[in-house]
Amino acid sequence: MGDTLIVEGQRVLATQTTKVKGTKRIADIPLGYEVKASGQPNASGVLIAQQIEALATDREDSQPPATDSVELQRQVDEQTQQWFRVARD
């Protein structure tokens, strides 16, 4: 198997052959980084990544990575609320 992450709502699977740029492992990609992934979807719709690129973002609305679980939960809740506001509009 491999490591899985969600990019723009798309489940992405990194295998042993996936080339990763910008970090050594996908587990090291900080929250808030821009992630680009390329590959082929499997029958379940999961993207089997041939390449994943992690880029630091300079967007003003980006936040630094959470340092503890309480802060991480706060950031997740904030992003979820923002998503629901956008979805309603």
Protein backbone atom coordinates (compact mmCIF):
# COMPACT_ATOMS: atom_id res chain seq x y z
CA MET A 1 0.00 0.00 0.00
CA GLY A 2 1.17 3.58 0.45
CA ASP A 3 0.47 6.96 2.02
CA THR A 4 -2.79 8.73 1.24
CA LEU A 5 -3.65 12.42 1.29
CA ILE A 6 -6.57 14.54 0.16
CA VAL A 7 -5.88 17.25 -2.42
CA GLU A 8 -8.81 19.54 -3.32
CA GLY A 9 -11.20 16.77 -2.23
CA GLN A 10 -9.45 14.11 -4.32
CA ARG A 11 -7.94 11.12 -2.51
CA VAL A 12 -4.33 10.67 -3.68
CA LEU A 13 -2.29 7.53 -3.04
CA ALA A 14 1.51 7.69 -3.02
CA THR A 15 3.20 4.36 -3.69
CA GLN A 16 6.84 3.34 -3.39
CA THR A 17 7.39 4.46 -6.99
CA THR A 18 5.78 7.91 -6.58
CA LYS A 19 8.26 10.76 -7.11
CA VAL A 20 7.86 13.39 -4.39
CA LYS A 21 9.20 16.93 -4.85
CA GLY A 22 9.43 19.63 -2.19
CA THR A 23 9.70 17.21 0.73
CA LYS A 24 11.12 13.77 1.39
CA ARG A 25 7.80 12.10 2.22
CA ILE A 26 4.18 13.10 1.82
CA ALA A 27 3.75 12.76 5.59
CA ASP A 28 6.12 15.75 5.89
CA ILE A 29 3.96 18.11 3.79
CA PRO A 30 2.86 20.94 6.12
CA LEU A 31 -0.74 22.02 6.37
CA GLY A 32 -1.34 24.93 4.01
CA TYR A 33 1.14 23.91 1.31
CA GLU A 34 0.01 23.84 -2.30
CA VAL A 35 0.06 20.25 -3.56
CA LYS A 36 0.10 19.17 -7.19
CA ALA A 37 -0.36 15.51 -8.01
CA SER A 38 -0.37 13.63 -11.29
CA GLY A 39 -1.17 10.01 -12.05
CA GLN A 40 -4.03 7.73 -13.02
CA PRO A 41 -7.27 7.05 -11.11
CA ASN A 42 -8.01 3.48 -10.06
CA ALA A 43 -11.47 1.86 -10.26
CA SER A 44 -12.46 3.49 -6.94
CA GLY A 45 -11.53 6.97 -8.18
CA VAL A 46 -8.37 7.23 -6.05
CA LEU A 47 -5.53 8.94 -7.92
CA ILE A 48 -2.50 6.63 -7.95
CA ALA A 49 0.18 9.30 -7.99
CA GLN A 50 3.17 9.10 -10.27
CA GLN A 51 4.38 12.47 -8.97
CA ILE A 52 3.50 14.74 -6.05
CA GLU A 53 4.89 18.24 -5.68
CA ALA A 54 4.57 20.25 -2.46
CA LEU A 55 5.04 24.02 -2.66
CA ALA A 56 5.09 26.61 0.10
CA THR A 57 2.30 29.06 -0.55
CA ASP A 58 2.58 32.82 -0.28
CA ARG A 59 -1.18 33.39 -0.29
CA GLU A 60 -2.29 35.90 2.31
CA ASP A 61 -5.06 33.62 3.56
CA SER A 62 -2.75 30.69 4.28
CA GLN A 63 -2.07 29.75 7.86
CA PRO A 64 1.03 28.30 9.48
CA PRO A 65 0.88 24.60 10.33
CA ALA A 66 -0.80 23.68 13.60
CA THR A 67 1.55 22.76 16.42
CA ASP A 68 -0.92 20.88 18.60
CA SER A 69 -4.17 18.97 18.23
CA VAL A 70 -6.34 21.78 19.66
CA GLU A 71 -4.96 24.26 17.13
CA LEU A 72 -5.27 21.73 14.32
CA GLN A 73 -8.93 21.11 15.21
CA ARG A 74 -9.57 24.87 15.30
CA GLN A 75 -8.07 25.26 11.82
CA VAL A 76 -10.07 22.31 10.46
CA ASP A 77 -13.29 23.74 11.94
CA GLU A 78 -12.53 27.17 10.46
CA GLN A 79 -11.84 25.74 7.01
CA THR A 80 -14.99 23.60 7.17
CA GLN A 81 -17.13 26.59 8.06
CA GLN A 82 -15.55 28.58 5.21
CA TRP A 83 -16.27 25.74 2.77
CA PHE A 84 -19.93 25.60 3.84
CA ARG A 85 -20.25 29.40 3.43
CA VAL A 86 -18.85 29.16 -0.11
CA ALA A 87 -21.05 26.17 -0.95
CA ARG A 88 -24.20 28.05 0.14
CA ASP A 89 -23.40 31.15 -1.94
